[in-house]
Structures are given as C-alpha cells and as structure tokens.
C-alpha cells in the first residue's frame, strides 16, 4: 500500500485549485440563487423604493402604454 504525505496532498490541491474552480463555475447554469430569506423590513423597504421609482418614471413620462394590457417602462433612464 502506498503511503501518502499530507504535504503532497496539499501541493496537489494547490496545483489543481484554479482548474477545479473553473470547472465548478462552468457547471453552474445562470446566476447563483439567493439563499437567505429577506426580512419583513427588507421587503417593505424594497417595495417602497420600487413604488417611488415607478411614480418618478410616470412623472417623467418614461412609462408608455402600448396597448390595453401592455406597457413599456424605460428603466435605464431613471436614477
């Protein structure tokens, strides 16, 4: 049976770390999902921010009605 030195194992890990991380990153599909649930306060704050941005966009005329149930919101122009 072959004896393995702990230092040899650590050297192999360091030598292959970059390639292993690259393979792991390539195997993921899309962006990473959020794992932490937002608190009630975070949800409320994000809702308020979204509502204020929408109202500001309405005032600036960035929201266009395209049809009975379709709208266009040029979000890139809003600060």
PDB file of N, CA and C in Angstrom:
ATOM      1  N   UNK A   1       0.829  -1.174   0.000  1.00  0.00           N
ATOM      2  CA  UNK A   1       0.000   0.000   0.000  1.00  0.00           C
ATOM      3  C   UNK A   1       0.882   1.250   0.000  1.00  0.00           C
ATOM      4  N   UNK A   2       0.485   2.229  -0.800  1.00  0.00           N
ATOM      5  CA  UNK A   2       1.273   3.448  -0.955  1.00  0.00           C
ATOM      6  C   UNK A   2       0.983   4.419   0.189  1.00  0.00           C
ATOM      7  N   UNK A   3       2.045   4.957   0.760  1.00  0.00           N
ATOM      8  CA  UNK A   3       1.883   5.945   1.812  1.00  0.00           C
ATOM      9  C   UNK A   3       1.805   7.330   1.176  1.00  0.00           C
ATOM     10  N   UNK A   4       0.912   8.154   1.706  1.00  0.00           N
ATOM     11  CA  UNK A   4       0.711   9.499   1.175  1.00  0.00           C
ATOM     12  C   UNK A   4       1.076  10.506   2.260  1.00  0.00           C
ATOM     13  N   UNK A   5       1.866  11.468   1.860  1.00  0.00           N
ATOM     14  CA  UNK A   5       2.285  12.514   2.767  1.00  0.00           C
ATOM     15  C   UNK A   5       1.257  13.659   2.698  1.00  0.00           C
ATOM     16  N   UNK A   6       0.908  14.238   3.824  1.00  0.00           N
ATOM     17  CA  UNK A   6      -0.064  15.323   3.872  1.00  0.00           C
ATOM     18  C   UNK A   6       0.420  16.526   3.056  1.00  0.00           C
ATOM     19  N   UNK A   7       1.697  16.768   3.057  1.00  0.00           N
ATOM     20  CA  UNK A   7       2.254  17.883   2.287  1.00  0.00           C
ATOM     21  C   UNK A   7       2.057  17.667   0.783  1.00  0.00           C
ATOM     22  N   UNK A   8       2.204  16.419   0.331  1.00  0.00           N
ATOM     23  CA  UNK A   8       1.968  16.103  -1.077  1.00  0.00           C
ATOM     24  C   UNK A   8       0.517  16.359  -1.470  1.00  0.00           C
ATOM     25  N   UNK A   9      -0.396  15.991  -0.589  1.00  0.00           N
ATOM     26  CA  UNK A   9      -1.821  16.228  -0.856  1.00  0.00           C
ATOM     27  C   UNK A   9      -2.098  17.726  -0.969  1.00  0.00           C
ATOM     28  N   UNK A  10      -1.548  18.484  -0.044  1.00  0.00           N
ATOM     29  CA  UNK A  10      -1.747  19.941  -0.081  1.00  0.00           C
ATOM     30  C   UNK A  10      -1.160  20.556  -1.349  1.00  0.00           C
ATOM     31  N   UNK A  11      -0.018  20.067  -1.779  1.00  0.00           N
ATOM     32  CA  UNK A  11       0.593  20.582  -3.014  1.00  0.00           C
ATOM     33  C   UNK A  11      -0.271  20.269  -4.234  1.00  0.00           C
ATOM     34  N   UNK A  12      -0.841  19.060  -4.277  1.00  0.00           N
ATOM     35  CA  UNK A  12      -1.718  18.690  -5.402  1.00  0.00           C
ATOM     36  C   UNK A  12      -2.980  19.551  -5.417  1.00  0.00           C
ATOM     37  N   UNK A  13      -3.516  19.811  -4.238  1.00  0.00           N
ATOM     38  CA  UNK A  13      -4.709  20.657  -4.147  1.00  0.00           C
ATOM     39  C   UNK A  13      -4.399  22.052  -4.675  1.00  0.00           C
ATOM     40  N   UNK A  14      -3.304  22.622  -4.233  1.00  0.00           N
ATOM     41  CA  UNK A  14      -2.917  23.965  -4.688  1.00  0.00           C
ATOM     42  C   UNK A  14      -2.666  24.005  -6.193  1.00  0.00           C
ATOM     43  N   UNK A  15      -2.051  22.962  -6.719  1.00  0.00           N
ATOM     44  CA  UNK A  15      -1.739  22.924  -8.148  1.00  0.00           C
ATOM     45  C   UNK A  15      -3.000  22.824  -9.004  1.00  0.00           C
ATOM     46  N   UNK A  16      -4.042  22.160  -8.496  1.00  0.00           N
ATOM     47  CA  UNK A  16      -5.259  21.942  -9.282  1.00  0.00           C
ATOM     48  C   UNK A  16      -6.423  22.848  -8.890  1.00  0.00           C
ATOM     49  N   UNK A  17      -6.212  23.727  -7.944  1.00  0.00           N
ATOM     50  CA  UNK A  17      -7.291  24.570  -7.437  1.00  0.00           C
ATOM     51  C   UNK A  17      -7.908  25.452  -8.528  1.00  0.00           C
ATOM     52  N   UNK A  18      -7.085  26.098  -9.334  1.00  0.00           N
ATOM     53  CA  UNK A  18      -7.576  27.012 -10.357  1.00  0.00           C
ATOM     54  C   UNK A  18      -8.457  26.271 -11.372  1.00  0.00           C
ATOM     55  N   UNK A  19      -7.991  25.128 -11.822  1.00  0.00           N
ATOM     56  CA  UNK A  19      -8.750  24.332 -12.799  1.00  0.00           C
ATOM     57  C   UNK A  19     -10.051  23.808 -12.195  1.00  0.00           C
ATOM     58  N   UNK A  20     -10.003  23.376 -10.953  1.00  0.00           N
ATOM     59  CA  UNK A  20     -11.204  22.859 -10.289  1.00  0.00           C
ATOM     60  C   UNK A  20     -12.246  23.959 -10.120  1.00  0.00           C
ATOM     61  N   UNK A  21     -11.818  25.137  -9.694  1.00  0.00           N
ATOM     62  CA  UNK A  21     -12.752  26.260  -9.545  1.00  0.00           C
ATOM     63  C   UNK A  21     -13.356  26.661 -10.886  1.00  0.00           C
ATOM     64  N   UNK A  22     -12.561  26.593 -11.941  1.00  0.00           N
ATOM     65  CA  UNK A  22     -13.058  26.914 -13.285  1.00  0.00           C
ATOM     66  C   UNK A  22     -14.146  25.925 -13.707  1.00  0.00           C
ATOM     67  N   UNK A  23     -13.919  24.637 -13.469  1.00  0.00           N
ATOM     68  CA  UNK A  23     -14.910  23.615 -13.826  1.00  0.00           C
ATOM     69  C   UNK A  23     -16.194  23.781 -13.026  1.00  0.00           C
ATOM     70  N   UNK A  24     -16.063  24.103 -11.759  1.00  0.00           N
ATOM     71  CA  UNK A  24     -17.245  24.319 -10.921  1.00  0.00           C
ATOM     72  C   UNK A  24     -18.048  25.512 -11.434  1.00  0.00           C
ATOM     73  N   UNK A  25     -17.369  26.601 -11.762  1.00  0.00           N
ATOM     74  CA  UNK A  25     -18.047  27.794 -12.257  1.00  0.00           C
ATOM     75  C   UNK A  25     -18.744  27.532 -13.588  1.00  0.00           C
ATOM     76  N   UNK A  26     -18.118  26.750 -14.461  1.00  0.00           N
ATOM     77  CA  UNK A  26     -18.724  26.437 -15.757  1.00  0.00           C
ATOM     78  C   UNK A  26     -19.929  25.529 -15.623  1.00  0.00           C
ATOM     79  N   UNK A  27     -19.942  24.689 -14.596  1.00  0.00           N
ATOM     80  CA  UNK A  27     -21.043  23.739 -14.439  1.00  0.00           C
ATOM     81  C   UNK A  27     -22.317  24.412 -13.937  1.00  0.00           C
ATOM     82  N   UNK A  28     -22.181  25.581 -13.314  1.00  0.00           N
ATOM     83  CA  UNK A  28     -23.362  26.310 -12.848  1.00  0.00           C
ATOM     84  C   UNK A  28     -24.105  26.868 -14.047  1.00  0.00           C
ATOM     85  N   UNK A  29     -25.404  26.817 -13.974  1.00  0.00           N
ATOM     86  CA  UNK A  29     -26.216  27.387 -15.045  1.00  0.00           C
ATOM     87  C   UNK A  29     -26.837  28.675 -14.535  1.00  0.00           C
ATOM     88  N   UNK A  30     -26.590  29.779 -15.219  1.00  0.00           N
ATOM     89  CA  UNK A  30     -27.170  31.053 -14.817  1.00  0.00           C
ATOM     90  C   UNK A  30     -26.511  31.626 -13.584  1.00  0.00           C
ATOM     91  N   UNK A  31     -27.199  32.569 -13.002  1.00  0.00           N
ATOM     92  CA  UNK A  31     -26.638  33.212 -11.812  1.00  0.00           C
ATOM     93  C   UNK A  31     -26.946  32.398 -10.565  1.00  0.00           C
ATOM     94  N   UNK A  32     -26.205  32.669  -9.525  1.00  0.00           N
ATOM     95  CA  UNK A  32     -26.411  31.950  -8.272  1.00  0.00           C
ATOM     96  C   UNK A  32     -27.690  32.451  -7.617  1.00  0.00           C
ATOM     97  N   UNK A  33     -28.424  31.522  -7.022  1.00  0.00           N
ATOM     98  CA  UNK A  33     -29.679  31.880  -6.381  1.00  0.00           C
ATOM     99  C   UNK A  33     -29.426  32.413  -4.990  1.00  0.00           C
ATOM    100  N   UNK A  34     -30.301  33.293  -4.570  1.00  0.00           N
ATOM    101  CA  UNK A  34     -30.245  33.854  -3.238  1.00  0.00           C
ATOM    102  C   UNK A  34     -30.662  32.782  -2.238  1.00  0.00           C
ATOM    103  N   UNK A  35     -29.908  32.604  -1.192  1.00  0.00           N
ATOM    104  CA  UNK A  35     -30.208  31.551  -0.227  1.00  0.00           C
ATOM    105  C   UNK A  35     -30.840  32.090   1.049  1.00  0.00           C
ATOM    106  N   UNK A  36     -30.621  33.362   1.346  1.00  0.00           N
ATOM    107  CA  UNK A  36     -31.156  33.927   2.580  1.00  0.00           C
ATOM    108  C   UNK A  36     -32.518  34.564   2.304  1.00  0.00           C
ATOM    109  N   UNK A  37     -33.486  34.296   3.153  1.00  0.00           N
ATOM    110  CA  UNK A  37     -34.814  34.886   3.021  1.00  0.00           C
ATOM    111  C   UNK A  37     -34.748  36.329   3.494  1.00  0.00           C
ATOM    112  N   UNK A  38     -35.396  37.223   2.739  1.00  0.00           N
ATOM    113  CA  UNK A  38     -35.400  38.629   3.145  1.00  0.00           C
ATOM    114  C   UNK A  38     -36.305  38.832   4.354  1.00  0.00           C
ATOM    115  N   UNK A  39     -35.897  39.757   5.221  1.00  0.00           N
ATOM    116  CA  UNK A  39     -36.704  40.065   6.393  1.00  0.00           C
ATOM    117  C   UNK A  39     -37.891  40.926   5.967  1.00  0.00           C
ATOM    118  N   UNK A  40     -38.854  41.059   6.863  1.00  0.00           N
ATOM    119  CA  UNK A  40     -40.043  41.873   6.583  1.00  0.00           C
ATOM    120  C   UNK A  40     -39.638  43.317   6.300  1.00  0.00           C
ATOM    121  N   UNK A  41     -38.684  43.825   7.058  1.00  0.00           N
ATOM    122  CA  UNK A  41     -38.208  45.198   6.862  1.00  0.00           C
ATOM    123  C   UNK A  41     -37.546  45.387   5.501  1.00  0.00           C
ATOM    124  N   UNK A  42     -36.762  44.403   5.082  1.00  0.00           N
ATOM    125  CA  UNK A  42     -36.124  44.482   3.764  1.00  0.00           C
ATOM    126  C   UNK A  42     -37.165  44.490   2.648  1.00  0.00           C
ATOM    127  N   UNK A  43     -38.179  43.625   2.787  1.00  0.00           N
ATOM    128  CA  UNK A  43     -39.238  43.566   1.777  1.00  0.00           C
ATOM    129  C   UNK A  43     -39.973  44.895   1.679  1.00  0.00           C
ATOM    130  N   UNK A  44     -40.319  45.466   2.826  1.00  0.00           N
ATOM    131  CA  UNK A  44     -41.039  46.737   2.844  1.00  0.00           C
ATOM    132  C   UNK A  44     -40.199  47.853   2.239  1.00  0.00           C
ATOM    133  N   UNK A  45     -38.914  47.892   2.559  1.00  0.00           N
ATOM    134  CA  UNK A  45     -38.029  48.924   2.025  1.00  0.00           C
ATOM    135  C   UNK A  45     -37.907  48.801   0.509  1.00  0.00           C
ATOM    136  N   UNK A  46     -37.738  47.576   0.005  1.00  0.00           N
ATOM    137  CA  UNK A  46     -37.636  47.377  -1.438  1.00  0.00           C
ATOM    138  C   UNK A  46     -38.942  47.728  -2.139  1.00  0.00           C
ATOM    139  N   UNK A  47     -40.073  47.431  -1.512  1.00  0.00           N
ATOM    140  CA  UNK A  47     -41.374  47.803  -2.088  1.00  0.00           C
ATOM    141  C   UNK A  47     -41.489  49.321  -2.196  1.00  0.00           C
ATOM    142  N   UNK A  48     -41.107  50.028  -1.139  1.00  0.00           N
ATOM    143  CA  UNK A  48     -41.187  51.493  -1.162  1.00  0.00           C
ATOM    144  C   UNK A  48     -40.279  52.081  -2.240  1.00  0.00           C
ATOM    145  N   UNK A  49     -39.078  51.547  -2.365  1.00  0.00           N
ATOM    146  CA  UNK A  49     -38.146  52.027  -3.390  1.00  0.00           C
ATOM    147  C   UNK A  49     -38.737  51.809  -4.778  1.00  0.00           C
ATOM    148  N   UNK A  50     -39.313  50.643  -5.012  1.00  0.00           N
ATOM    149  CA  UNK A  50     -39.895  50.331  -6.319  1.00  0.00           C
ATOM    150  C   UNK A  50     -41.072  51.248  -6.633  1.00  0.00           C
ATOM    151  N   UNK A  51     -41.930  51.474  -5.653  1.00  0.00           N
ATOM    152  CA  UNK A  51     -43.090  52.345  -5.865  1.00  0.00           C
ATOM    153  C   UNK A  51     -42.651  53.768  -6.170  1.00  0.00           C
ATOM    154  N   UNK A  52     -41.645  54.264  -5.444  1.00  0.00           N
ATOM    155  CA  UNK A  52     -41.157  55.628  -5.691  1.00  0.00           C
ATOM    156  C   UNK A  52     -40.527  55.749  -7.073  1.00  0.00           C
ATOM    157  N   UNK A  53     -39.772  54.739  -7.491  1.00  0.00           N
ATOM    158  CA  UNK A  53     -39.170  54.769  -8.823  1.00  0.00           C
ATOM    159  C   UNK A  53     -40.237  54.764  -9.908  1.00  0.00           C
ATOM    160  N   UNK A  54     -41.287  53.947  -9.713  1.00  0.00           N
ATOM    161  CA  UNK A  54     -42.372  53.867 -10.685  1.00  0.00           C
ATOM    162  C   UNK A  54     -43.089  55.218 -10.790  1.00  0.00           C
ATOM    163  N   UNK A  55     -43.396  55.834  -9.648  1.00  0.00           N
ATOM    164  CA  UNK A  55     -44.081  57.136  -9.657  1.00  0.00           C
ATOM    165  C   UNK A  55     -43.215  58.215 -10.296  1.00  0.00           C
ATOM    166  N   UNK A  56     -41.915  58.195 -10.018  1.00  0.00           N
ATOM    167  CA  UNK A  56     -40.996  59.153 -10.627  1.00  0.00           C
ATOM    168  C   UNK A  56     -40.951  58.959 -12.144  1.00  0.00           C
ATOM    169  N   UNK A  57     -40.956  57.704 -12.584  1.00  0.00           N
ATOM    170  CA  UNK A  57     -40.944  57.411 -14.018  1.00  0.00           C
ATOM    171  C   UNK A  57     -42.242  57.876 -14.671  1.00  0.00           C
ATOM    172  N   UNK A  58     -43.367  57.727 -13.975  1.00  0.00           N
ATOM    173  CA  UNK A  58     -44.642  58.219 -14.502  1.00  0.00           C
ATOM    174  C   UNK A  58     -44.605  59.735 -14.671  1.00  0.00           C
ATOM    175  N   UNK A  59     -44.056  60.423 -13.675  1.00  0.00           N
ATOM    176  CA  UNK A  59     -43.966  61.882 -13.741  1.00  0.00           C
ATOM    177  C   UNK A  59     -43.085  62.350 -14.895  1.00  0.00           C
ATOM    178  N   UNK A  60     -42.006  61.618 -15.153  1.00  0.00           N
ATOM    179  CA  UNK A  60     -41.082  61.986 -16.225  1.00  0.00           C
ATOM    180  C   UNK A  60     -41.556  61.518 -17.599  1.00  0.00           C
ATOM    181  N   UNK A  61     -42.621  60.722 -17.627  1.00  0.00           N
ATOM    182  CA  UNK A  61     -43.147  60.247 -18.898  1.00  0.00           C
ATOM    183  C   UNK A  61     -42.372  59.084 -19.500  1.00  0.00           C
ATOM    184  N   UNK A  62     -41.716  58.309 -18.673  1.00  0.00           N
ATOM    185  CA  UNK A  62     -40.923  57.180 -19.164  1.00  0.00           C
ATOM    186  C   UNK A  62     -41.744  55.905 -19.320  1.00  0.00           C
ATOM    187  N   UNK A  63     -42.980  55.921 -18.840  1.00  0.00           N
ATOM    188  CA  UNK A  63     -43.845  54.758 -18.962  1.00  0.00           C
ATOM    189  C   UNK A  63     -44.824  55.020 -20.091  1.00  0.00           C
ATOM    190  N   UNK A  64     -44.806  54.145 -21.080  1.00  0.00           N
ATOM    191  CA  UNK A  64     -45.657  54.312 -22.250  1.00  0.00           C
ATOM    192  C   UNK A  64     -46.643  53.158 -22.326  1.00  0.00           C
ATOM    193  N   UNK A  65     -47.907  53.469 -22.580  1.00  0.00           N
ATOM    194  CA  UNK A  65     -48.933  52.444 -22.723  1.00  0.00           C
ATOM    195  C   UNK A  65     -48.938  51.978 -24.172  1.00  0.00           C
ATOM    196  N   UNK A  66     -48.663  50.699 -24.399  1.00  0.00           N
ATOM    197  CA  UNK A  66     -48.559  50.142 -25.747  1.00  0.00           C
ATOM    198  C   UNK A  66     -49.853  49.490 -26.198  1.00  0.00           C
ATOM    199  N   UNK A  67     -50.701  49.176 -25.298  1.00  0.00           N
ATOM    200  CA  UNK A  67     -51.958  48.510 -25.620  1.00  0.00           C
ATOM    201  C   UNK A  67     -52.823  48.465 -24.381  1.00  0.00           C
ATOM    202  N   UNK A  68     -53.894  47.680 -24.474  1.00  0.00           N
ATOM    203  CA  UNK A  68     -54.816  47.591 -23.346  1.00  0.00           C
ATOM    204  C   UNK A  68     -54.139  47.039 -22.097  1.00  0.00           C
ATOM    205  N   UNK A  69     -53.263  46.033 -22.291  1.00  0.00           N
ATOM    206  CA  UNK A  69     -52.608  45.408 -21.143  1.00  0.00           C
ATOM    207  C   UNK A  69     -51.091  45.429 -21.223  1.00  0.00           C
ATOM    208  N   UNK A  70     -50.532  46.247 -22.121  1.00  0.00           N
ATOM    209  CA  UNK A  70     -49.081  46.286 -22.276  1.00  0.00           C
ATOM    210  C   UNK A  70     -48.555  47.693 -22.018  1.00  0.00           C
ATOM    211  N   UNK A  71     -47.425  47.730 -21.295  1.00  0.00           N
ATOM    212  CA  UNK A  71     -46.749  48.998 -21.020  1.00  0.00           C
ATOM    213  C   UNK A  71     -45.270  48.828 -21.282  1.00  0.00           C
ATOM    214  N   UNK A  72     -44.614  49.948 -21.557  1.00  0.00           N
ATOM    215  CA  UNK A  72     -43.169  49.954 -21.709  1.00  0.00           C
ATOM    216  C   UNK A  72     -42.605  50.911 -20.669  1.00  0.00           C
ATOM    217  N   UNK A  73     -41.658  50.433 -19.907  1.00  0.00           N
ATOM    218  CA  UNK A  73     -41.021  51.239 -18.864  1.00  0.00           C
ATOM    219  C   UNK A  73     -39.540  51.304 -19.185  1.00  0.00           C
ATOM    220  N   UNK A  74     -39.064  52.481 -19.557  1.00  0.00           N
ATOM    221  CA  UNK A  74     -37.650  52.659 -19.885  1.00  0.00           C
ATOM    222  C   UNK A  74     -36.884  52.869 -18.569  1.00  0.00           C
ATOM    223  N   UNK A  75     -36.579  51.746 -17.894  1.00  0.00           N
ATOM    224  CA  UNK A  75     -35.945  51.814 -16.577  1.00  0.00           C
ATOM    225  C   UNK A  75     -34.515  52.319 -16.606  1.00  0.00           C
ATOM    226  N   UNK A  76     -33.874  52.290 -17.771  1.00  0.00           N
ATOM    227  CA  UNK A  76     -32.479  52.710 -17.846  1.00  0.00           C
ATOM    228  C   UNK A  76     -32.320  54.206 -17.672  1.00  0.00           C
ATOM    229  N   UNK A  77     -33.364  54.960 -17.889  1.00  0.00           N
ATOM    230  CA  UNK A  77     -33.283  56.415 -17.795  1.00  0.00           C
ATOM    231  C   UNK A  77     -33.527  56.937 -16.382  1.00  0.00           C
ATOM    232  N   UNK A  78     -34.033  56.093 -15.502  1.00  0.00           N
ATOM    233  CA  UNK A  78     -34.336  56.516 -14.137  1.00  0.00           C
ATOM    234  C   UNK A  78     -33.112  56.368 -13.270  1.00  0.00           C
ATOM    235  N   UNK A  79     -32.897  57.319 -12.363  1.00  0.00           N
ATOM    236  CA  UNK A  79     -31.749  57.277 -11.439  1.00  0.00           C
ATOM    237  C   UNK A  79     -31.972  56.277 -10.362  1.00  0.00           C
TER     238      UNK A  79
END
